[in-house]
């Protein structure tokens, strides 16, 4: 079976020739080791004053290349923390952490060369009732998937 056939056969709850192999995301150091490309920071969305959308797109393409080199049956088009709008700018906190577009508090850690979720803005039922997620139609979000 071709990769696509294998993947969709499993999604259709039918039996493929092999169990499809994929991953929802690989940490930046792994992507760098597989592709030989340097990524922008430990996070797929770098917490900087630069253009996070372009950095995220560059890193998303490198992730796709790594998945293809690993011969995965599917390549993740999106990930929960790399899909951002063109207007996105992280809210930097004093301790190096940042708040992303979704309200998550993330911490880039040099010792693990990745970014960790360490908290969020939704902690109570009332927070959830008042939470307004990012606009899924905002410029750049779907465009990133199309690349």
N, C-alpha and C. Protein backbone atom coordinates (compact mmCIF):
# COMPACT_ATOMS: atom_id res chain seq x y z
N UNK A 1 0.84 -1.19 0.00
CA UNK A 1 0.00 0.00 0.00
C UNK A 1 0.87 1.24 0.00
N UNK A 2 0.38 2.27 -0.61
CA UNK A 2 1.03 3.57 -0.53
C UNK A 2 0.73 4.18 0.84
N UNK A 3 1.55 5.13 1.25
CA UNK A 3 1.36 5.77 2.56
C UNK A 3 -0.06 6.30 2.73
N UNK A 4 -0.53 7.02 1.72
CA UNK A 4 -1.86 7.63 1.79
C UNK A 4 -2.94 6.55 1.92
N UNK A 5 -2.82 5.48 1.14
CA UNK A 5 -3.80 4.39 1.21
C UNK A 5 -3.80 3.75 2.59
N UNK A 6 -2.61 3.53 3.12
CA UNK A 6 -2.48 2.89 4.44
C UNK A 6 -3.16 3.75 5.51
N UNK A 7 -2.88 5.04 5.46
CA UNK A 7 -3.40 5.96 6.46
C UNK A 7 -4.93 6.03 6.38
N UNK A 8 -5.47 6.23 5.17
CA UNK A 8 -6.92 6.37 5.04
C UNK A 8 -7.65 5.04 5.24
N UNK A 9 -7.01 3.94 4.94
CA UNK A 9 -7.61 2.63 5.23
C UNK A 9 -7.83 2.49 6.73
N UNK A 10 -6.82 2.86 7.51
CA UNK A 10 -6.95 2.79 8.97
C UNK A 10 -8.02 3.77 9.47
N UNK A 11 -8.05 4.98 8.90
CA UNK A 11 -9.08 5.95 9.32
C UNK A 11 -10.48 5.45 9.01
N UNK A 12 -10.61 4.67 7.94
CA UNK A 12 -11.92 4.10 7.57
C UNK A 12 -12.25 2.85 8.38
N UNK A 13 -11.42 2.56 9.40
CA UNK A 13 -11.60 1.40 10.29
C UNK A 13 -11.51 0.08 9.54
N UNK A 14 -10.71 0.09 8.45
CA UNK A 14 -10.42 -1.14 7.73
C UNK A 14 -8.97 -1.53 8.04
N UNK A 15 -8.57 -2.71 7.64
CA UNK A 15 -7.25 -3.22 8.00
C UNK A 15 -6.22 -2.91 6.91
N UNK A 16 -5.23 -2.05 7.23
CA UNK A 16 -4.16 -1.78 6.25
C UNK A 16 -3.13 -2.91 6.28
N UNK A 17 -2.18 -2.85 5.36
CA UNK A 17 -1.12 -3.86 5.33
C UNK A 17 -0.21 -3.77 6.55
N UNK A 18 0.01 -2.55 7.04
CA UNK A 18 0.78 -2.29 8.26
C UNK A 18 0.09 -1.19 9.05
N UNK A 19 0.36 -1.11 10.32
CA UNK A 19 -0.16 -0.01 11.13
C UNK A 19 0.51 1.28 10.65
N UNK A 20 -0.28 2.31 10.32
CA UNK A 20 0.33 3.57 9.87
C UNK A 20 1.19 4.20 10.96
N UNK A 21 2.29 4.76 10.54
CA UNK A 21 3.21 5.42 11.46
C UNK A 21 3.19 6.92 11.18
N UNK A 22 3.03 7.69 12.23
CA UNK A 22 3.10 9.14 12.12
C UNK A 22 3.38 9.71 13.50
N UNK A 23 3.48 11.01 13.58
CA UNK A 23 3.69 11.70 14.85
C UNK A 23 3.02 13.05 14.71
N UNK A 24 2.45 13.54 15.77
CA UNK A 24 1.80 14.86 15.71
C UNK A 24 2.81 15.99 15.75
N UNK A 25 4.01 15.69 16.16
CA UNK A 25 5.03 16.72 16.20
C UNK A 25 6.34 16.15 16.71
N UNK A 26 7.42 16.70 16.23
CA UNK A 26 8.75 16.31 16.69
C UNK A 26 9.39 17.54 17.31
N UNK A 27 10.09 17.38 18.41
CA UNK A 27 10.76 18.51 19.04
C UNK A 27 11.84 19.07 18.12
N UNK A 28 12.06 20.38 18.19
CA UNK A 28 13.03 21.03 17.30
C UNK A 28 14.40 20.36 17.22
N UNK A 29 15.02 19.90 18.33
CA UNK A 29 16.33 19.26 18.19
C UNK A 29 16.29 18.00 17.32
N UNK A 30 15.18 17.28 17.36
CA UNK A 30 15.04 16.08 16.54
C UNK A 30 14.91 16.47 15.08
N UNK A 31 14.09 17.49 14.80
CA UNK A 31 13.94 17.97 13.42
C UNK A 31 15.28 18.44 12.87
N UNK A 32 16.04 19.18 13.68
CA UNK A 32 17.36 19.66 13.25
C UNK A 32 18.29 18.49 12.94
N UNK A 33 18.28 17.47 13.78
CA UNK A 33 19.17 16.32 13.57
C UNK A 33 18.81 15.55 12.30
N UNK A 34 17.54 15.45 12.01
CA UNK A 34 17.10 14.69 10.83
C UNK A 34 17.32 15.48 9.55
N UNK A 35 17.00 16.77 9.57
CA UNK A 35 17.06 17.57 8.34
C UNK A 35 18.38 18.29 8.14
N UNK A 36 19.11 18.51 9.22
CA UNK A 36 20.34 19.29 9.12
C UNK A 36 20.08 20.78 9.03
N UNK A 37 18.82 21.18 9.22
CA UNK A 37 18.44 22.60 9.16
C UNK A 37 18.35 23.17 10.56
N UNK A 38 18.82 24.39 10.73
CA UNK A 38 18.73 25.08 12.01
C UNK A 38 17.36 25.73 12.10
N UNK A 39 16.67 25.48 13.20
CA UNK A 39 15.36 26.08 13.41
C UNK A 39 15.48 27.34 14.25
N UNK A 40 14.45 28.16 14.21
CA UNK A 40 14.45 29.42 14.95
C UNK A 40 14.04 29.23 16.39
N UNK A 41 14.95 28.87 17.25
CA UNK A 41 14.64 28.75 18.67
C UNK A 41 14.17 27.37 19.06
N UNK A 42 13.86 27.21 20.34
CA UNK A 42 13.43 25.92 20.85
C UNK A 42 11.96 25.66 20.56
N UNK A 43 11.21 26.72 20.40
CA UNK A 43 9.78 26.59 20.17
C UNK A 43 9.52 26.67 18.68
N UNK A 44 8.50 25.95 18.23
CA UNK A 44 8.13 26.09 16.83
C UNK A 44 7.54 27.47 16.58
N UNK A 45 7.04 28.11 17.61
CA UNK A 45 6.69 29.53 17.54
C UNK A 45 7.63 30.22 18.50
N UNK A 46 8.60 30.89 17.97
CA UNK A 46 9.64 31.52 18.78
C UNK A 46 9.07 32.72 19.53
N UNK A 47 9.38 32.80 20.78
CA UNK A 47 8.94 33.94 21.60
C UNK A 47 9.93 35.08 21.39
N UNK A 48 9.69 35.84 20.36
CA UNK A 48 10.58 36.97 20.08
C UNK A 48 9.77 38.09 19.46
N UNK A 49 10.40 39.21 19.29
CA UNK A 49 9.73 40.35 18.67
C UNK A 49 9.71 40.24 17.16
N UNK A 50 10.35 39.20 16.61
CA UNK A 50 10.39 39.02 15.17
C UNK A 50 9.06 38.48 14.68
N UNK A 51 9.02 38.05 13.45
CA UNK A 51 7.80 37.57 12.82
C UNK A 51 7.54 36.10 13.16
N UNK A 52 6.74 35.81 14.18
CA UNK A 52 6.50 34.42 14.58
C UNK A 52 5.87 33.58 13.48
N UNK A 53 5.02 34.19 12.63
CA UNK A 53 4.35 33.43 11.57
C UNK A 53 5.37 32.86 10.59
N UNK A 54 6.31 33.68 10.13
CA UNK A 54 7.32 33.21 9.17
C UNK A 54 8.23 32.17 9.80
N UNK A 55 8.61 32.39 11.05
CA UNK A 55 9.46 31.42 11.75
C UNK A 55 8.69 30.10 11.91
N UNK A 56 7.43 30.19 12.28
CA UNK A 56 6.61 29.00 12.46
C UNK A 56 6.45 28.25 11.14
N UNK A 57 6.24 28.99 10.04
CA UNK A 57 6.10 28.36 8.73
C UNK A 57 7.40 27.64 8.34
N UNK A 58 8.53 28.31 8.52
CA UNK A 58 9.83 27.71 8.22
C UNK A 58 10.02 26.42 9.02
N UNK A 59 9.70 26.47 10.29
CA UNK A 59 9.87 25.31 11.16
C UNK A 59 8.86 24.21 10.83
N UNK A 60 7.65 24.60 10.43
CA UNK A 60 6.62 23.63 10.03
C UNK A 60 7.07 22.87 8.78
N UNK A 61 7.67 23.58 7.81
CA UNK A 61 8.18 22.93 6.60
C UNK A 61 9.30 21.97 6.95
N UNK A 62 10.20 22.38 7.84
CA UNK A 62 11.29 21.49 8.28
C UNK A 62 10.74 20.25 8.97
N UNK A 63 9.70 20.42 9.79
CA UNK A 63 9.05 19.28 10.45
C UNK A 63 8.49 18.32 9.41
N UNK A 64 7.85 18.85 8.38
CA UNK A 64 7.30 18.01 7.31
C UNK A 64 8.40 17.24 6.60
N UNK A 65 9.51 17.92 6.33
CA UNK A 65 10.65 17.26 5.68
C UNK A 65 11.20 16.13 6.56
N UNK A 66 11.27 16.36 7.85
CA UNK A 66 11.75 15.32 8.77
C UNK A 66 10.82 14.11 8.74
N UNK A 67 9.52 14.35 8.75
CA UNK A 67 8.55 13.25 8.71
C UNK A 67 8.68 12.46 7.42
N UNK A 68 8.91 13.15 6.31
CA UNK A 68 9.09 12.46 5.03
C UNK A 68 10.38 11.64 5.04
N UNK A 69 11.45 12.20 5.61
CA UNK A 69 12.71 11.45 5.69
C UNK A 69 12.57 10.21 6.57
N UNK A 70 11.72 10.30 7.58
CA UNK A 70 11.47 9.16 8.47
C UNK A 70 10.50 8.15 7.84
N UNK A 71 9.99 8.48 6.66
CA UNK A 71 9.08 7.61 5.92
C UNK A 71 7.76 7.39 6.66
N UNK A 72 7.29 8.43 7.35
CA UNK A 72 6.00 8.35 8.03
C UNK A 72 4.88 8.20 6.99
N UNK A 73 3.78 7.62 7.41
CA UNK A 73 2.63 7.46 6.53
C UNK A 73 1.80 8.73 6.43
N UNK A 74 1.96 9.63 7.37
CA UNK A 74 1.24 10.91 7.33
C UNK A 74 2.15 11.98 7.92
N UNK A 75 1.96 13.18 7.43
CA UNK A 75 2.72 14.33 7.91
C UNK A 75 1.73 15.29 8.57
N UNK A 76 2.00 15.74 9.79
CA UNK A 76 1.06 16.65 10.44
C UNK A 76 1.02 18.00 9.74
N UNK A 77 -0.17 18.40 9.32
CA UNK A 77 -0.32 19.70 8.66
C UNK A 77 -0.34 20.81 9.70
N UNK A 78 -0.91 20.51 10.83
CA UNK A 78 -0.99 21.51 11.90
C UNK A 78 -0.67 20.86 13.23
N UNK A 79 -0.34 21.68 14.15
CA UNK A 79 -0.11 21.24 15.51
C UNK A 79 -0.74 22.29 16.39
N UNK A 80 -1.11 21.92 17.59
CA UNK A 80 -1.84 22.86 18.43
C UNK A 80 -1.08 24.13 18.75
N UNK A 81 0.24 24.11 18.71
CA UNK A 81 0.95 25.33 19.10
C UNK A 81 1.77 25.96 17.99
N UNK A 82 1.65 25.44 16.77
CA UNK A 82 2.40 26.08 15.69
C UNK A 82 1.51 26.80 14.71
N UNK A 83 0.24 26.62 14.81
CA UNK A 83 -0.68 27.27 13.89
C UNK A 83 -1.02 28.64 14.45
N UNK A 84 -0.52 29.68 13.80
CA UNK A 84 -0.77 31.03 14.32
C UNK A 84 -1.16 31.95 13.17
N UNK A 85 -1.74 33.07 13.52
CA UNK A 85 -2.10 34.07 12.52
C UNK A 85 -0.89 34.93 12.21
N UNK A 86 -0.97 35.66 11.11
CA UNK A 86 0.12 36.57 10.74
C UNK A 86 0.29 37.69 11.77
N UNK A 87 -0.79 38.05 12.44
CA UNK A 87 -0.74 39.17 13.40
C UNK A 87 -0.22 38.75 14.77
N UNK A 88 -0.10 37.46 15.00
CA UNK A 88 0.27 36.95 16.32
C UNK A 88 1.62 37.49 16.79
N UNK A 89 1.63 37.97 18.00
CA UNK A 89 2.86 38.34 18.71
C UNK A 89 2.71 37.82 20.13
N UNK A 90 3.66 37.05 20.61
CA UNK A 90 3.53 36.51 21.96
C UNK A 90 3.61 37.62 23.00
N UNK A 91 2.90 37.42 24.10
CA UNK A 91 2.98 38.33 25.23
C UNK A 91 4.10 37.81 26.13
N UNK A 92 5.21 38.54 26.15
CA UNK A 92 6.38 38.10 26.91
C UNK A 92 6.21 38.38 28.39
N UNK A 93 6.56 37.41 29.21
CA UNK A 93 6.52 37.56 30.66
C UNK A 93 7.95 37.79 31.15
N UNK A 94 8.10 38.29 32.33
CA UNK A 94 9.42 38.68 32.84
C UNK A 94 10.38 37.51 33.04
N UNK A 95 9.87 36.31 33.22
CA UNK A 95 10.73 35.16 33.51
C UNK A 95 11.11 34.34 32.28
N UNK A 96 10.94 34.90 31.08
CA UNK A 96 11.28 34.19 29.85
C UNK A 96 10.12 33.39 29.28
N UNK A 97 9.08 33.24 30.06
CA UNK A 97 7.89 32.56 29.58
C UNK A 97 7.10 33.52 28.68
N UNK A 98 6.14 32.96 27.95
CA UNK A 98 5.27 33.81 27.15
C UNK A 98 3.88 33.22 27.08
N UNK A 99 2.92 34.08 26.78
CA UNK A 99 1.53 33.67 26.61
C UNK A 99 1.26 33.66 25.12
N UNK A 100 0.77 32.53 24.63
CA UNK A 100 0.51 32.42 23.20
C UNK A 100 -0.89 32.90 22.86
N UNK A 101 -1.23 32.78 21.60
CA UNK A 101 -2.51 33.23 21.08
C UNK A 101 -3.70 32.54 21.74
N UNK A 102 -3.49 31.33 22.25
CA UNK A 102 -4.55 30.54 22.84
C UNK A 102 -4.68 30.77 24.35
N UNK A 103 -3.77 31.59 24.90
CA UNK A 103 -3.80 31.86 26.33
C UNK A 103 -2.97 30.90 27.15
N UNK A 104 -2.21 30.05 26.48
CA UNK A 104 -1.35 29.12 27.21
C UNK A 104 -0.06 29.82 27.62
N UNK A 105 0.44 29.47 28.78
CA UNK A 105 1.72 29.99 29.24
C UNK A 105 2.76 28.93 28.88
N UNK A 106 3.74 29.34 28.08
CA UNK A 106 4.77 28.42 27.59
C UNK A 106 6.14 28.88 28.05
N UNK A 107 7.01 27.91 28.27
CA UNK A 107 8.35 28.22 28.76
C UNK A 107 9.40 27.52 27.90
N UNK A 108 10.17 28.28 27.13
CA UNK A 108 11.29 27.68 26.40
C UNK A 108 12.39 27.30 27.40
N UNK A 109 12.89 26.08 27.31
CA UNK A 109 13.93 25.62 28.24
C UNK A 109 15.16 25.17 27.47
N UNK A 110 16.27 25.82 27.76
CA UNK A 110 17.53 25.51 27.08
C UNK A 110 18.01 24.10 27.38
N UNK A 111 17.73 23.61 28.60
CA UNK A 111 18.24 22.28 28.96
C UNK A 111 17.60 21.15 28.16
N UNK A 112 16.36 21.34 27.72
CA UNK A 112 15.69 20.32 26.92
C UNK A 112 15.51 20.74 25.47
N UNK A 113 15.86 21.98 25.16
CA UNK A 113 15.74 22.54 23.82
C UNK A 113 14.33 22.39 23.25
N UNK A 114 13.35 22.60 24.10
CA UNK A 114 11.97 22.58 23.65
C UNK A 114 11.17 23.54 24.52
N UNK A 115 9.93 23.75 24.16
CA UNK A 115 9.06 24.66 24.89
C UNK A 115 7.99 23.84 25.60
N UNK A 116 7.80 24.13 26.86
CA UNK A 116 6.87 23.38 27.69
C UNK A 116 5.65 24.22 28.06
N UNK A 117 4.49 23.58 28.10
CA UNK A 117 3.28 24.20 28.62
C UNK A 117 3.41 24.20 30.13
N UNK A 118 3.26 25.37 30.74
CA UNK A 118 3.40 25.46 32.20
C UNK A 118 2.18 26.06 32.87
N UNK A 119 1.20 26.45 32.10
CA UNK A 119 0.00 27.02 32.69
C UNK A 119 -0.90 27.61 31.63
N UNK A 120 -1.99 28.17 32.09
CA UNK A 120 -2.92 28.76 31.14
C UNK A 120 -3.79 29.80 31.77
N UNK A 121 -4.56 30.42 30.93
CA UNK A 121 -5.44 31.49 31.41
C UNK A 121 -6.81 30.96 31.80
N UNK A 122 -7.11 29.70 31.48
CA UNK A 122 -8.39 29.10 31.85
C UNK A 122 -8.14 28.16 33.02
N UNK A 123 -8.57 28.59 34.20
CA UNK A 123 -8.36 27.77 35.39
C UNK A 123 -9.66 27.49 36.14
N UNK A 124 -10.70 28.23 35.81
CA UNK A 124 -11.98 28.03 36.49
C UNK A 124 -13.09 27.93 35.45
N UNK A 125 -14.26 27.51 35.90
CA UNK A 125 -15.41 27.45 35.01
C UNK A 125 -15.74 28.84 34.48
N UNK A 126 -15.61 29.83 35.33
CA UNK A 126 -15.88 31.21 34.92
C UNK A 126 -14.88 31.66 33.83
N UNK A 127 -13.60 31.29 34.00
CA UNK A 127 -12.61 31.59 32.97
C UNK A 127 -13.02 30.99 31.64
N UNK A 128 -13.51 29.76 31.68
CA UNK A 128 -13.91 29.08 30.45
C UNK A 128 -15.09 29.77 29.80
N UNK A 129 -16.03 30.21 30.61
CA UNK A 129 -17.20 30.91 30.07
C UNK A 129 -16.80 32.22 29.41
N UNK A 130 -15.76 32.86 29.90
CA UNK A 130 -15.31 34.15 29.36
C UNK A 130 -14.22 34.02 28.30
N UNK A 131 -13.73 32.80 28.09
CA UNK A 131 -12.63 32.59 27.15
C UNK A 131 -13.09 32.81 25.70
N UNK A 132 -12.32 33.58 24.97
CA UNK A 132 -12.58 33.80 23.56
C UNK A 132 -11.36 33.28 22.79
N UNK A 133 -11.52 32.16 22.06
CA UNK A 133 -10.38 31.60 21.33
C UNK A 133 -10.02 32.48 20.13
N UNK A 134 -8.83 32.27 19.57
CA UNK A 134 -8.44 33.03 18.38
C UNK A 134 -9.39 32.74 17.22
N UNK A 135 -9.51 33.68 16.33
CA UNK A 135 -10.37 33.55 15.16
C UNK A 135 -9.75 32.54 14.18
N UNK A 136 -10.44 31.43 13.89
CA UNK A 136 -9.87 30.44 12.98
C UNK A 136 -9.73 30.95 11.55
N UNK A 137 -10.43 32.03 11.22
CA UNK A 137 -10.38 32.59 9.87
C UNK A 137 -9.37 33.72 9.73
N UNK A 138 -8.66 34.04 10.80
CA UNK A 138 -7.72 35.16 10.75
C UNK A 138 -6.60 34.89 9.74
N UNK A 139 -6.14 35.96 9.11
CA UNK A 139 -5.15 35.87 8.04
C UNK A 139 -3.93 35.05 8.44
N UNK A 140 -3.58 34.11 7.58
CA UNK A 140 -2.36 33.33 7.77
C UNK A 140 -2.57 31.97 8.39
N UNK A 141 -3.64 31.78 9.13
CA UNK A 141 -3.82 30.51 9.84
C UNK A 141 -4.02 29.36 8.85
N UNK A 142 -4.97 29.47 7.94
CA UNK A 142 -5.20 28.41 6.96
C UNK A 142 -4.07 28.36 5.94
N UNK A 143 -3.50 29.51 5.64
CA UNK A 143 -2.40 29.58 4.68
C UNK A 143 -1.23 28.70 5.12
N UNK A 144 -0.98 28.65 6.40
CA UNK A 144 0.11 27.84 6.93
C UNK A 144 -0.15 26.36 6.64
N UNK A 145 -1.38 25.93 6.72
CA UNK A 145 -1.73 24.54 6.46
C UNK A 145 -1.53 24.22 4.99
N UNK A 146 -1.84 25.18 4.11
CA UNK A 146 -1.75 24.96 2.67
C UNK A 146 -0.32 24.78 2.20
N UNK A 147 0.64 25.32 2.92
CA UNK A 147 2.04 25.17 2.51
C UNK A 147 2.39 23.72 2.52
